Amino acid sequence: MLKQRLNLKLSQKLSPQQIQLMKLIQLPTQAFEQRVKQEFEENPALDSGKDEEDYQDEFSNEDQQEEHDIIETEFDVDDYLSDDEIPSYKLKANNYSADDEDKQVPYASGTSFSQFLKDQLQTFNFKDNQEDIAFFLVGSVDDSGYIRRNMMDIVDDLAFTQNIITDETTVEKVLKLVQTLDPPGVGARDLRECLLIQLERKNKNESVDLAYRIIDEAFDKFSKKHYEKLLQKFSISEDKLKDAIEEIEHLNPKPGASFSGNSRIVEHVIPDFAIKIKNGELELTLNGRNAPEMHISRDYANMLKGYKESKNRSREQKEAAFFIKQKLDSAKWFIDAIKQRQQTLFSTMSAIMNHQKEYFLTGDERSLKPMILKDIAEKIDMDISTVSRVANSKYVETPYGTFLIKSFFSESMKNDEGEDVSTREIKKILEITVEKENKKKPHTDAKLAEILKEKGYPIARRTVAKYREQLDIPVARLRKEI
């Protein structure tokens, strides 16, 4: 049985323009530049203000009704034309100047790590198919300098991919030759072997010999810092053990990472904002690359003028005029969107800077106040999602380094005086406490919780453990020194 029912439903939908604006806000400086470049290429109604005298045609804000039949469509050309040639859509941030340099970051080029190793193989005299095996092994070295593959798997791969029939003994023999290459430790299959290779190549003395024995015979005890067991096993004094451990600590656990010509991609962060201290006050600037000079194309404006002045408007002229109108609408929206993006970025970062004013003046992480997205959203009267888009993808340059903006956000908790304090503040105090502890008897998590409670931060042991792990601080046993 069919029934009719009236159902009222309240829903909110974003327009395509609003969605595009949100995407623009989310883009960091470098990606934003690419987006602007793409828009210039796709919309001929947009012009840059760099190469010619600025020209601006103002639009009316009235919506134009568009009919499906473009031939019948008529619109007021005067809405798209203006006698005023003074530009009003020239977008500039407060810190932007036409004299700003378009600085490019130079990237060094050189020999890749793999090629560096292969070049060294050219100096060896190999027998039979050993050279092919050696080059295959070098090709299996990862960025850290290790070969993390089972020898039997390599034997199988040599047979199936290189048509080289060999055995594990031969591959092991060639591997020993590969392990003589620079940097020392390259070609190792695990950390223990990597350290042993480096110790073998050091000038021999009592400390180096003892260090070699410790890694060779008691690597597990060393890695777990069971120093008492090492003293008993090797019947040595604490001073001798300390000297041997010092030798080991100077070794490189990742020999491949030390190669200056490594071909891995270098990530360069371009800050979107800069905060400086001038006369005791904070000064916020937006990267000038976020404020491109843009205006409506003079040629497109002249085309519309020609259409307006034409008395006999043909079908083709009407179609062309409607096409121009669409491009001008798109250009106007894009210019407005960029202006709105600038204002959103600046107001959001300004609110964050003022909220964390004490930190930005001192650089002391203990001065960071609790701050969540909602706090900033309420200050600037914007949606939380908008603040999130700014915080998650933008960087700010400060006198103390360049940071991702979201790193200044943190939850809060109550201290023993009932005041809200930032979890970042607690983590910093925890870090300082660990740094000052007696490394011969490092504090357990329970002891750290007790110390923090004495300082006015009543947190549980499990919370201390969570913060310690987030700070990459090992457990007490692994922080122990002799």
Protein backbone atom coordinates (compact mmCIF):
# COMPACT_ATOMS: atom_id res chain seq x y z
CA MET A 1 0.00 0.00 0.00
CA LEU A 2 1.46 3.32 -1.08
CA LYS A 3 1.46 6.24 1.34
CA GLN A 4 2.48 9.85 0.93
CA ARG A 5 4.29 11.48 3.81
CA LEU A 6 5.74 14.94 4.28
CA ASN A 7 9.18 14.84 5.86
CA LEU A 8 11.13 17.97 6.78
CA LYS A 9 14.88 17.55 6.86
CA LEU A 10 17.51 20.18 7.64
CA SER A 11 20.82 19.64 5.86
CA GLN A 12 23.84 21.72 5.01
CA LYS A 13 25.78 21.31 1.81
CA LEU A 14 28.94 23.04 0.68
CA SER A 15 28.93 24.66 -2.72
CA PRO A 16 31.66 23.69 -5.21
CA GLN A 17 33.25 27.11 -4.62
CA GLN A 18 33.37 26.56 -0.85
CA ILE A 19 34.94 23.14 -1.34
CA GLN A 20 37.59 24.64 -3.63
CA LEU A 21 38.28 27.38 -1.07
CA MET A 22 38.81 24.79 1.67
CA LYS A 23 41.26 22.98 -0.59
CA LEU A 24 43.14 26.23 -1.23
CA ILE A 25 43.37 26.96 2.50
CA GLN A 26 44.82 23.51 3.14
CA LEU A 27 47.64 23.92 0.61
CA PRO A 28 51.10 24.84 1.97
CA THR A 29 53.08 27.55 0.19
CA GLN A 30 54.87 25.35 -2.36
CA ALA A 31 51.72 23.44 -3.36
CA PHE A 32 49.76 26.72 -3.48
CA GLU A 33 52.25 28.16 -5.99
CA GLN A 34 51.69 25.14 -8.22
CA ARG A 35 47.92 25.58 -7.93
CA VAL A 36 48.17 29.25 -8.95
CA LYS A 37 50.41 28.31 -11.87
CA GLN A 38 47.86 25.71 -12.97
CA GLU A 39 45.03 28.28 -12.81
CA PHE A 40 47.04 30.74 -14.93
CA GLU A 41 47.54 28.03 -17.54
CA GLU A 42 43.88 26.97 -17.59
CA ASN A 43 42.19 30.38 -17.43
CA PRO A 44 43.38 32.95 -20.00
CA ALA A 45 41.24 35.61 -18.28
CA LEU A 46 43.84 35.76 -15.48
CA ASP A 47 46.99 37.82 -15.79
CA SER A 48 50.02 38.16 -13.56
CA GLY A 49 51.05 41.62 -12.40
CA LYS A 50 54.75 41.02 -12.97
CA ASP A 51 55.29 41.72 -16.63
CA GLU A 52 52.94 44.54 -17.57
CA GLU A 53 51.15 47.57 -16.20
CA ASP A 54 48.34 46.56 -13.86
CA TYR A 55 44.86 46.71 -15.30
CA GLN A 56 41.70 45.93 -13.39
CA ASP A 57 38.13 45.41 -14.46
CA GLU A 58 35.66 45.36 -11.61
CA PHE A 59 32.75 42.99 -11.52
CA SER A 60 29.30 43.51 -10.03
CA ASN A 61 28.28 41.11 -7.28
CA GLU A 62 24.87 40.48 -8.83
CA ASP A 63 24.29 36.92 -9.94
CA GLN A 64 23.84 36.42 -13.68
CA GLN A 65 21.01 34.13 -14.74
CA GLU A 66 22.36 31.62 -17.29
CA GLU A 67 19.93 30.03 -19.76
CA HIS A 68 20.55 26.62 -21.30
CA ASP A 69 20.46 28.07 -24.79
CA ILE A 70 23.62 30.21 -24.91
CA ILE A 71 22.48 31.87 -28.13
CA GLU A 72 19.46 33.36 -26.38
CA THR A 73 21.47 34.39 -23.30
CA GLU A 74 21.85 38.11 -22.77
CA PHE A 75 23.73 39.80 -19.99
CA ASP A 76 24.73 43.34 -19.08
CA VAL A 77 28.27 43.77 -20.38
CA ASP A 78 28.61 46.92 -18.23
CA ASP A 79 28.69 44.63 -15.18
CA TYR A 80 32.04 43.33 -16.44
CA LEU A 81 33.53 46.63 -17.57
CA SER A 82 34.74 49.69 -15.73
CA ASP A 83 36.39 52.95 -16.69
CA ASP A 84 38.38 52.80 -13.49
CA GLU A 85 41.80 51.36 -14.29
CA ILE A 86 43.05 51.53 -10.69
CA PRO A 87 43.59 47.92 -9.57
CA SER A 88 41.68 46.76 -6.52
CA TYR A 89 42.38 43.05 -6.82
CA LYS A 90 46.12 43.33 -6.43
CA LEU A 91 46.66 40.94 -3.56
CA LYS A 92 49.54 41.69 -1.28
CA ALA A 93 50.25 40.58 2.25
CA ASN A 94 51.52 43.14 4.72
CA ASN A 95 55.05 41.88 4.25
CA TYR A 96 54.97 41.49 0.48
CA SER A 97 56.94 43.67 -1.87
CA ALA A 98 57.49 43.51 -5.60
CA ASP A 99 61.19 43.62 -4.79
CA ASP A 100 61.02 40.34 -2.87
CA GLU A 101 63.46 37.84 -4.30
CA ASP A 102 62.10 34.64 -5.72
CA LYS A 103 64.63 32.54 -3.93
CA GLN A 104 65.25 29.05 -5.20
CA VAL A 105 66.73 26.35 -3.01
CA PRO A 106 69.80 24.75 -4.59
CA TYR A 107 69.98 20.98 -4.50
CA ALA A 108 73.30 19.20 -4.62
CA SER A 109 73.76 16.50 -7.19
CA GLY A 110 76.32 13.75 -7.10
CA THR A 111 77.01 10.04 -7.21
CA SER A 112 74.38 7.81 -5.67
CA PHE A 113 75.29 5.55 -2.76
CA SER A 114 74.86 2.45 -4.91
CA GLN A 115 77.05 3.86 -7.67
CA PHE A 116 79.68 4.87 -5.10
CA LEU A 117 79.93 1.23 -4.00
CA LYS A 118 79.99 -0.09 -7.57
CA ASP A 119 82.82 2.29 -8.49
CA GLN A 120 84.91 0.76 -5.70
CA LEU A 121 84.30 -2.74 -7.05
CA GLN A 122 86.14 -1.73 -10.24
CA THR A 123 89.44 -1.92 -8.32
CA PHE A 124 89.00 -5.60 -7.42
CA ASN A 125 90.30 -8.61 -9.35
CA PHE A 126 87.49 -11.15 -9.39
CA LYS A 127 87.48 -14.75 -10.54
CA ASP A 128 84.84 -16.45 -12.67
CA ASN A 129 81.39 -15.02 -11.91
CA GLN A 130 82.37 -13.36 -8.61
CA GLU A 131 82.14 -9.88 -10.15
CA ASP A 132 78.50 -10.39 -11.13
CA ILE A 133 77.74 -11.68 -7.64
CA ALA A 134 79.48 -8.68 -6.06
CA PHE A 135 77.49 -6.20 -8.16
CA PHE A 136 74.29 -8.06 -7.27
CA LEU A 137 75.14 -7.86 -3.56
CA VAL A 138 75.86 -4.13 -3.81
CA GLY A 139 72.50 -3.69 -5.49
CA SER A 140 70.92 -5.36 -2.45
CA VAL A 141 72.41 -2.82 0.00
CA ASP A 142 69.72 -0.55 1.48
CA ASP A 143 70.02 3.15 2.35
CA SER A 144 71.31 2.32 5.83
CA GLY A 145 74.13 0.24 4.37
CA TYR A 146 72.76 -3.21 5.25
CA ILE A 147 71.98 -6.34 3.25
CA ARG A 148 68.88 -7.58 5.04
CA ARG A 149 68.37 -10.75 3.03
CA ASN A 150 69.00 -14.40 3.66
CA MET A 151 71.98 -15.79 1.73
CA MET A 152 69.91 -18.67 0.37
CA ASP A 153 67.38 -16.16 -1.05
CA ILE A 154 70.21 -14.32 -2.78
CA VAL A 155 71.50 -17.60 -4.24
CA ASP A 156 68.01 -18.30 -5.65
CA ASP A 157 67.68 -14.78 -7.07
CA LEU A 158 71.06 -15.05 -8.76
CA ALA A 159 69.92 -18.25 -10.45
CA PHE A 160 66.51 -17.00 -11.57
CA THR A 161 67.28 -13.38 -12.47
CA GLN A 162 70.97 -13.43 -13.44
CA ASN A 163 71.32 -17.05 -14.63
CA ILE A 164 74.24 -17.45 -12.22
CA ILE A 165 74.43 -20.87 -10.57
CA THR A 166 76.33 -20.63 -7.29
CA ASP A 167 76.12 -21.63 -3.62
CA GLU A 168 75.99 -19.97 -0.19
CA THR A 169 79.71 -20.52 0.45
CA THR A 170 80.68 -18.60 -2.69
CA VAL A 171 78.22 -15.78 -1.96
CA GLU A 172 79.53 -15.54 1.64
CA LYS A 173 83.07 -15.28 0.28
CA VAL A 174 82.13 -12.45 -2.10
CA LEU A 175 80.16 -10.75 0.67
CA LYS A 176 83.35 -10.55 2.76
CA LEU A 177 84.94 -8.61 -0.12
CA VAL A 178 81.93 -6.27 -0.33
CA GLN A 179 82.24 -5.66 3.41
CA THR A 180 85.72 -4.20 2.86
CA LEU A 181 84.23 -1.29 0.89
CA ASP A 182 83.76 2.20 2.31
CA PRO A 183 82.05 3.40 4.40
CA PRO A 184 83.16 0.88 7.08
CA GLY A 185 80.32 -1.44 8.08
CA VAL A 186 78.60 -1.48 4.71
CA GLY A 187 77.22 -4.85 3.58
CA ALA A 188 76.52 -6.07 7.12
CA ARG A 189 73.48 -8.25 7.67
CA ASP A 190 72.70 -6.99 11.17
CA LEU A 191 73.88 -4.45 13.73
CA ARG A 192 76.25 -6.89 15.46
CA GLU A 193 78.07 -7.69 12.21
CA CYS A 194 78.14 -3.97 11.27
CA LEU A 195 79.89 -3.04 14.54
CA LEU A 196 82.34 -5.94 14.26
CA ILE A 197 83.34 -4.90 10.72
CA GLN A 198 84.08 -1.37 11.93
CA LEU A 199 86.05 -2.57 14.97
CA GLU A 200 88.15 -4.85 12.74
CA ARG A 201 89.27 -1.81 10.74
CA LYS A 202 90.22 0.32 13.75
CA ASN A 203 93.75 0.62 15.04
CA LYS A 204 94.18 -2.15 17.56
CA ASN A 205 94.59 -1.37 21.25
CA GLU A 206 93.31 -2.82 24.51
CA SER A 207 89.99 -0.92 24.43
CA VAL A 208 89.27 -1.84 20.79
CA ASP A 209 90.11 -5.51 21.42
CA LEU A 210 87.80 -5.60 24.44
CA ALA A 211 85.05 -3.82 22.50
CA TYR A 212 85.35 -6.45 19.75
CA ARG A 213 85.07 -9.30 22.27
CA ILE A 214 82.03 -7.71 23.93
CA ILE A 215 80.17 -7.37 20.62
CA ASP A 216 81.31 -10.78 19.38
CA GLU A 217 80.73 -12.81 22.54
CA ALA A 218 78.16 -10.84 24.58
CA PHE A 219 76.20 -8.62 22.21
CA ASP A 220 72.86 -9.41 23.88
CA LYS A 221 74.15 -8.47 27.33
CA PHE A 222 75.67 -5.26 25.93
CA SER A 223 72.49 -4.23 24.09
CA LYS A 224 70.47 -4.73 27.29
CA LYS A 225 73.11 -2.85 29.33
CA HIS A 226 73.73 -5.71 31.74
CA TYR A 227 77.05 -4.17 32.75
CA GLU A 228 77.47 -6.25 35.92
CA LYS A 229 77.31 -9.45 33.83
CA LEU A 230 79.90 -8.03 31.41
CA LEU A 231 82.25 -7.18 34.30
CA GLN A 232 81.96 -10.76 35.56
CA LYS A 233 82.25 -12.43 32.16
CA PHE A 234 85.42 -10.63 31.08
CA SER A 235 86.88 -10.13 34.58
CA ILE A 236 87.63 -6.47 33.98
CA SER A 237 87.40 -3.20 35.90
CA GLU A 238 84.69 -0.61 35.42
CA ASP A 239 87.19 1.80 33.85
CA LYS A 240 88.20 -0.73 31.18
CA LEU A 241 84.56 -1.51 30.44
CA LYS A 242 83.82 2.19 30.22
CA ASP A 243 86.67 2.68 27.69
CA ALA A 244 85.43 -0.24 25.57
CA ILE A 245 81.86 1.06 25.59
CA GLU A 246 83.14 4.49 24.54
CA GLU A 247 84.82 2.86 21.53
CA ILE A 248 81.54 1.17 20.58
CA GLU A 249 79.53 4.38 20.99
CA HIS A 250 81.76 6.08 18.42
CA LEU A 251 80.85 3.50 15.75
CA ASN A 252 78.23 4.21 13.10
CA PRO A 253 75.14 1.94 13.33
CA LYS A 254 73.94 3.16 9.89
CA PRO A 255 77.01 3.48 7.63
CA GLY A 256 74.91 4.15 4.52
CA ALA A 257 73.25 7.18 6.09
CA SER A 258 76.61 8.91 6.48
CA PHE A 259 77.27 8.95 2.73
CA SER A 260 77.00 12.59 1.66
CA GLY A 261 76.12 11.69 -1.91
CA ASN A 262 73.12 9.57 -0.97
CA SER A 263 70.49 9.95 -3.66
CA ARG A 264 67.45 9.99 -1.37
CA ILE A 265 65.09 12.92 -1.86
CA VAL A 266 65.87 15.94 0.27
CA GLU A 267 62.79 17.42 1.89
CA HIS A 268 62.87 21.21 2.13
CA VAL A 269 60.32 22.98 4.29
CA ILE A 270 59.19 26.42 3.15
CA PRO A 271 57.67 28.26 6.13
CA ASP A 272 54.27 29.79 5.46
CA PHE A 273 54.63 32.32 8.29
CA ALA A 274 57.45 34.05 10.12
CA ILE A 275 57.38 35.34 13.69
CA LYS A 276 60.02 37.83 14.78
CA ILE A 277 60.61 39.74 17.98
CA LYS A 278 61.03 43.49 17.51
CA ASN A 279 61.37 45.81 20.50
CA GLY A 280 59.96 43.14 22.77
CA GLU A 281 56.85 42.62 20.64
CA LEU A 282 55.90 39.82 18.28
CA GLU A 283 55.63 40.52 14.56
CA LEU A 284 53.82 38.07 12.30
CA THR A 285 54.29 38.01 8.52
CA LEU A 286 52.83 35.80 5.83
CA ASN A 287 55.23 34.41 3.26
CA GLY A 288 54.99 36.77 0.26
CA ARG A 289 54.72 33.80 -2.08
CA ASN A 290 51.18 33.35 -0.76
CA ALA A 291 50.23 36.75 -2.22
CA PRO A 292 50.61 36.61 -5.99
CA GLU A 293 49.75 39.71 -8.02
CA MET A 294 46.73 38.83 -10.13
CA HIS A 295 44.25 40.80 -12.21
CA ILE A 296 41.77 40.35 -15.01
CA SER A 297 43.27 40.08 -18.49
CA ARG A 298 43.25 43.35 -20.46
CA ASP A 299 42.68 41.38 -23.66
CA TYR A 300 39.54 39.73 -22.29
CA ALA A 301 38.22 43.09 -21.07
CA ASN A 302 38.79 44.54 -24.54
CA MET A 303 36.92 41.61 -26.08
CA LEU A 304 33.87 42.43 -23.98
CA LYS A 305 34.19 46.10 -24.91
CA GLY A 306 34.17 45.09 -28.54
CA TYR A 307 31.04 43.03 -27.99
CA LYS A 308 29.34 45.95 -26.22
CA GLU A 309 30.18 48.40 -29.02
CA SER A 310 29.05 46.02 -31.77
CA LYS A 311 25.65 46.91 -33.15
CA ASN A 312 24.99 43.73 -35.09
CA ARG A 313 25.72 40.84 -32.75
CA SER A 314 26.00 37.55 -34.57
CA ARG A 315 25.49 34.07 -33.16
CA GLU A 316 29.26 33.52 -33.01
CA GLN A 317 29.79 36.81 -31.15
CA LYS A 318 27.18 35.87 -28.55
CA GLU A 319 28.80 32.46 -28.04
CA ALA A 320 32.23 34.06 -27.70
CA ALA A 321 30.91 36.67 -25.27
CA PHE A 322 29.30 33.99 -23.12
CA PHE A 323 32.59 32.02 -23.08
CA ILE A 324 34.43 35.18 -22.01
CA LYS A 325 31.85 35.76 -19.27
CA GLN A 326 32.44 32.26 -17.88
CA LYS A 327 36.21 32.77 -17.80
CA LEU A 328 35.83 36.18 -16.16
CA ASP A 329 33.52 34.73 -13.51
CA SER A 330 36.04 32.00 -12.80
CA ALA A 331 38.91 34.51 -12.65
CA LYS A 332 36.98 36.79 -10.30
CA TRP A 333 36.17 33.88 -7.99
CA PHE A 334 39.78 32.68 -7.93
CA ILE A 335 41.11 36.14 -7.07
CA ASP A 336 38.52 36.50 -4.31
CA ALA A 337 39.34 33.00 -3.02
CA ILE A 338 43.05 33.82 -2.79
CA LYS A 339 42.28 37.00 -0.92
CA GLN A 340 40.05 35.08 1.48
CA ARG A 341 42.77 32.43 1.88
CA GLN A 342 45.27 35.12 2.87
CA GLN A 343 42.91 36.59 5.44
CA THR A 344 42.09 33.15 6.88
CA LEU A 345 45.74 32.12 7.18
CA PHE A 346 46.79 35.41 8.75
CA SER A 347 43.93 35.63 11.25
CA THR A 348 44.37 31.97 12.31
CA MET A 349 48.12 32.26 12.86
CA SER A 350 47.69 35.63 14.57
CA ALA A 351 45.28 34.07 17.07
CA ILE A 352 47.68 31.17 17.71
CA MET A 353 50.60 33.58 18.19
CA ASN A 354 48.67 35.71 20.68
CA HIS A 355 47.47 32.63 22.57
CA GLN A 356 51.05 31.34 22.89
CA LYS A 357 52.64 34.80 23.24
CA GLU A 358 54.79 33.87 26.23
CA TYR A 359 56.28 30.89 24.40
CA PHE A 360 57.08 32.85 21.23
CA LEU A 361 58.79 35.54 23.33
CA THR A 362 60.90 33.11 25.37
CA GLY A 363 61.16 29.84 23.41
CA ASP A 364 60.58 27.92 26.65
CA GLU A 365 58.30 24.96 25.94
CA ARG A 366 57.17 25.06 29.55
CA SER A 367 55.45 28.33 28.68
CA LEU A 368 53.15 26.66 26.12
CA LYS A 369 49.54 27.00 27.18
CA PRO A 370 46.93 24.29 26.65
CA MET A 371 45.37 24.94 23.24
CA ILE A 372 42.92 22.97 21.17
CA LEU A 373 41.41 23.71 17.77
CA LYS A 374 38.18 24.89 19.34
CA ASP A 375 40.01 27.64 21.28
CA ILE A 376 41.33 29.25 18.09
CA ALA A 377 38.14 28.63 16.09
CA GLU A 378 36.12 30.57 18.68
CA LYS A 379 38.58 33.48 18.68
CA ILE A 380 38.43 33.98 14.92
CA ASP A 381 34.79 32.91 14.56
CA MET A 382 35.54 30.14 12.08
CA ASP A 383 34.84 26.44 11.86
CA ILE A 384 37.15 24.00 13.65
CA SER A 385 37.81 22.20 10.34
CA THR A 386 39.19 25.44 8.87
CA VAL A 387 41.65 25.87 11.75
CA SER A 388 42.62 22.22 11.38
CA ARG A 389 43.42 22.72 7.68
CA VAL A 390 45.74 25.58 8.54
CA ALA A 391 47.41 23.85 11.49
CA ASN A 392 48.00 20.47 9.87
CA SER A 393 49.77 21.63 6.73
CA LYS A 394 51.52 24.94 7.49
CA TYR A 395 54.89 25.77 9.03
CA VAL A 396 55.97 28.84 10.97
CA GLU A 397 59.52 30.15 11.25
CA THR A 398 60.35 31.38 14.75
CA PRO A 399 63.54 32.59 16.47
CA TYR A 400 63.82 29.04 17.87
CA GLY A 401 63.38 27.06 14.66
CA THR A 402 60.74 26.16 12.07
CA PHE A 403 57.77 24.17 13.36
CA LEU A 404 54.58 22.58 12.10
CA ILE A 405 51.79 24.74 13.51
CA LYS A 406 49.85 21.79 14.90
CA SER A 407 52.78 21.08 17.25
CA PHE A 408 51.69 24.07 19.36
CA PHE A 409 48.35 22.42 20.11
CA SER A 410 48.07 20.22 23.17
CA GLU A 411 45.51 18.93 25.62
CA SER A 412 45.37 20.22 29.17
CA MET A 413 45.33 18.71 32.63
CA LYS A 414 45.02 20.09 36.13
CA ASN A 415 48.03 20.63 38.36
CA ASP A 416 47.81 20.34 42.14
CA GLU A 417 46.68 23.97 42.32
CA GLY A 418 43.74 23.34 40.00
CA GLU A 419 45.27 25.26 37.08
CA ASP A 420 45.12 24.02 33.49
CA VAL A 421 48.60 23.15 32.21
CA SER A 422 49.67 21.93 28.79
CA THR A 423 50.72 18.32 28.31
CA ARG A 424 53.65 19.77 26.34
CA GLU A 425 54.76 21.53 29.52
CA ILE A 426 54.63 18.26 31.45
CA LYS A 427 56.60 16.44 28.75
CA LYS A 428 59.29 19.12 28.82
CA ILE A 429 59.64 18.83 32.61
CA LEU A 430 59.78 15.04 32.25
CA GLU A 431 62.53 15.39 29.65
CA ILE A 432 64.55 17.74 31.89
CA THR A 433 64.11 15.38 34.85
CA VAL A 434 65.48 12.44 32.85
CA GLU A 435 68.42 14.53 31.62
CA LYS A 436 69.40 15.43 35.20
CA GLU A 437 69.03 11.93 36.67
CA ASN A 438 71.95 9.86 37.87
CA LYS A 439 72.67 7.66 34.85
CA LYS A 440 74.15 4.98 37.07
CA LYS A 441 70.76 4.66 38.76
CA PRO A 442 68.16 6.05 36.31
CA HIS A 443 64.64 6.69 37.54
CA THR A 444 61.93 4.14 36.94
CA ASP A 445 58.55 5.31 35.61
CA ALA A 446 57.12 5.05 39.13
CA LYS A 447 59.92 7.24 40.48
CA LEU A 448 59.41 9.77 37.67
CA ALA A 449 55.68 9.92 38.49
CA GLU A 450 56.61 10.57 42.12
CA ILE A 451 59.03 13.38 41.16
CA LEU A 452 56.46 15.01 38.86
CA LYS A 453 53.88 14.83 41.65
CA GLU A 454 56.31 16.64 43.95
CA LYS A 455 56.67 19.34 41.26
CA GLY A 456 52.91 19.82 41.23
CA TYR A 457 51.92 17.51 38.36
CA PRO A 458 49.94 14.55 39.72
CA ILE A 459 50.00 12.02 36.88
CA ALA A 460 49.89 8.24 36.96
CA ARG A 461 52.85 5.95 36.22
CA ARG A 462 51.20 4.67 33.02
CA THR A 463 50.83 8.28 31.82
CA VAL A 464 54.53 8.87 32.50
CA ALA A 465 55.32 5.76 30.45
CA LYS A 466 53.15 7.05 27.58
CA TYR A 467 54.82 10.49 27.58
CA ARG A 468 58.27 8.90 27.85
CA GLU A 469 57.60 6.75 24.78
CA GLN A 470 56.30 9.78 22.86
CA LEU A 471 59.57 11.55 23.68
CA ASP A 472 61.59 8.51 22.50
CA ILE A 473 63.12 8.10 25.95
CA PRO A 474 64.04 4.45 26.64
CA VAL A 475 63.16 2.62 29.84
CA ALA A 476 65.37 3.07 32.93
CA ARG A 477 67.43 -0.08 32.27
CA LEU A 478 68.46 1.15 28.81
CA ARG A 479 69.36 4.61 30.12
CA LYS A 480 71.84 3.14 32.54
CA GLU A 481 75.48 4.11 32.15
CA ILE A 482 78.53 2.69 33.85
